[in-house]
Amino acid sequence: MIPKLTASLDFHAEALLLRAERQRVLAGNIANADTPGYKARDFDFASALRAATGTTRAGEGIAQGVMSDAARPAPLLRYALPAQTNLDSNTVDMDRERAAFAHNATQYEATLRFINASVRTTLDAMKSHLQA
């Protein structure tokens, strides 16, 4: 019974950790926008989530080994493809990075809301019918 109650929370917890890691990677890209030769990095969130939640076979997915926890595989960072070449070989596209950062922040907030709603629903289900 307990594993069924925590399954949804476990999924959202993994999603939240991956969203936080992606936010860190995107922030690093933005911070290095003026660094000559810097190569922008990112990872495929969907593949990383599938790998982190065990919905793919072992050894598959981009998230093979992102977070530092040895029990949790970390997403494999890939280089972002530049939209246009720069003279200093920097591949950070600020428009793309800002959009990805904002989208990821919105998704992070949505995941927090899902967790909050799940906990609230569980607590409401445990209340007596006599409680308001």
Protein backbone atom coordinates (compact mmCIF):
# COMPACT_ATOMS: atom_id res chain seq x y z
CA MET A 1 0.00 0.00 0.00
CA ILE A 2 2.78 2.46 0.91
CA PRO A 3 4.66 2.00 -2.41
CA LYS A 4 1.48 2.92 -4.29
CA LEU A 5 1.11 6.07 -2.21
CA THR A 6 4.68 7.15 -2.78
CA ALA A 7 5.00 6.18 -6.48
CA SER A 8 3.64 9.51 -7.70
CA LEU A 9 5.79 11.45 -5.26
CA ASP A 10 8.88 9.50 -6.29
CA PHE A 11 8.29 10.32 -9.95
CA HIS A 12 7.80 14.02 -9.24
CA ALA A 13 10.83 14.07 -6.92
CA GLU A 14 13.01 12.70 -9.73
CA ALA A 15 11.53 15.26 -12.13
CA LEU A 16 12.24 18.04 -9.64
CA LEU A 17 15.87 16.96 -9.24
CA LEU A 18 16.37 16.81 -12.99
CA ARG A 19 14.71 20.22 -13.47
CA ALA A 20 17.06 21.69 -10.85
CA GLU A 21 20.07 20.13 -12.57
CA ARG A 22 18.95 21.44 -15.97
CA GLN A 23 18.47 24.91 -14.48
CA ARG A 24 22.05 24.75 -13.16
CA VAL A 25 23.38 23.75 -16.60
CA LEU A 26 21.42 26.51 -18.38
CA ALA A 27 22.57 29.09 -15.82
CA GLY A 28 26.14 28.02 -16.49
CA ASN A 29 25.61 28.55 -20.20
CA ILE A 30 24.22 32.04 -19.60
CA ALA A 31 27.05 32.90 -17.21
CA ASN A 32 29.62 31.92 -19.87
CA ALA A 33 27.98 33.74 -22.77
CA ASP A 34 31.03 36.00 -23.17
CA THR A 35 33.69 33.34 -22.54
CA PRO A 36 35.69 32.73 -25.73
CA GLY A 37 35.57 29.11 -26.84
CA TYR A 38 32.84 28.10 -24.36
CA LYS A 39 30.58 25.34 -25.67
CA ALA A 40 26.95 25.49 -24.49
CA ARG A 41 25.69 22.28 -22.85
CA ASP A 42 22.24 20.78 -22.24
CA PHE A 43 20.54 17.41 -21.86
CA ASP A 44 17.32 15.84 -23.08
CA PHE A 45 14.99 16.07 -20.08
CA ALA A 46 12.54 13.39 -21.25
CA SER A 47 15.27 10.81 -21.80
CA ALA A 48 16.92 11.71 -18.50
CA LEU A 49 13.61 11.31 -16.65
CA ARG A 50 12.95 7.95 -18.29
CA ALA A 51 16.40 6.78 -17.25
CA ALA A 52 16.06 8.14 -13.70
CA THR A 53 12.67 6.51 -13.15
CA GLY A 54 13.77 3.20 -14.62
CA THR A 55 11.39 3.17 -17.58
CA THR A 56 14.20 2.30 -20.00
CA ARG A 57 16.52 -0.68 -20.01
CA ALA A 58 19.79 -0.28 -18.13
CA GLY A 59 22.42 1.46 -20.21
CA GLU A 60 19.94 3.44 -22.29
CA GLY A 61 19.07 7.10 -22.05
CA ILE A 62 20.93 10.36 -21.91
CA ALA A 63 20.92 10.49 -18.11
CA GLN A 64 23.36 7.66 -17.71
CA GLY A 65 25.16 8.64 -14.56
CA VAL A 66 23.77 13.77 -14.02
CA MET A 67 23.63 14.01 -10.27
CA SER A 68 26.61 13.24 -8.06
CA ASP A 69 24.73 10.58 -6.06
CA ALA A 70 26.20 7.21 -7.06
CA ALA A 71 22.79 5.50 -6.81
CA ARG A 72 21.23 7.99 -9.22
CA PRO A 73 22.57 8.19 -12.75
CA ALA A 74 23.51 11.65 -13.98
CA PRO A 75 22.23 12.96 -17.33
CA LEU A 76 24.79 12.95 -20.08
CA LEU A 77 25.45 16.53 -21.09
CA ARG A 78 25.51 17.16 -24.80
CA TYR A 79 26.79 20.15 -26.68
CA ALA A 80 24.15 22.54 -28.01
CA LEU A 81 24.25 23.17 -31.72
CA PRO A 82 25.00 26.83 -32.48
CA ALA A 83 22.46 28.73 -34.58
CA GLN A 84 25.25 30.81 -36.09
CA THR A 85 29.00 30.87 -35.79
CA ASN A 86 30.85 33.31 -33.56
CA LEU A 87 34.35 34.62 -34.14
CA ASP A 88 35.37 33.55 -30.63
CA SER A 89 33.93 30.00 -31.06
CA ASN A 90 31.41 30.53 -28.24
CA THR A 91 28.22 28.51 -28.94
CA VAL A 92 25.92 30.17 -26.37
CA ASP A 93 22.79 31.56 -28.05
CA MET A 94 21.36 33.92 -25.43
CA ASP A 95 17.86 33.89 -26.93
CA ARG A 96 17.74 30.09 -26.85
CA GLU A 97 19.26 29.93 -23.36
CA ARG A 98 16.87 32.52 -21.89
CA ALA A 99 13.87 30.77 -23.42
CA ALA A 100 15.03 27.36 -22.17
CA PHE A 101 15.75 28.81 -18.71
CA ALA A 102 12.28 30.40 -18.45
CA HIS A 103 10.55 27.25 -19.74
CA ASN A 104 12.45 25.04 -17.31
CA ALA A 105 11.63 27.39 -14.41
CA THR A 106 7.94 27.18 -15.31
CA GLN A 107 8.13 23.38 -15.47
CA TYR A 108 9.93 23.32 -12.10
CA GLU A 109 7.12 25.38 -10.58
CA ALA A 110 4.51 23.06 -12.13
CA THR A 111 6.26 20.03 -10.65
CA LEU A 112 6.20 21.67 -7.21
CA ARG A 113 2.49 22.30 -7.62
CA PHE A 114 1.89 18.65 -8.58
CA ILE A 115 3.75 17.50 -5.47
CA ASN A 116 1.80 19.94 -3.29
CA ALA A 117 -1.53 18.82 -4.77
CA SER A 118 -0.64 15.14 -4.34
CA VAL A 119 0.26 15.61 -0.68
CA ARG A 120 -2.85 17.69 -0.07
CA THR A 121 -5.08 15.07 -1.71
CA THR A 122 -3.50 12.31 0.37
CA LEU A 123 -3.97 14.30 3.57
CA ASP A 124 -7.59 15.07 2.68
CA ALA A 125 -8.23 11.37 2.02
CA MET A 126 -6.91 10.49 5.49
CA LYS A 127 -9.20 12.96 7.26
CA SER A 128 -12.32 11.79 8.99
CA HIS A 129 -15.60 12.67 7.33
CA LEU A 130 -16.44 14.63 10.49
CA GLN A 131 -13.51 17.01 10.03
CA ALA A 132 -13.99 20.16 7.98
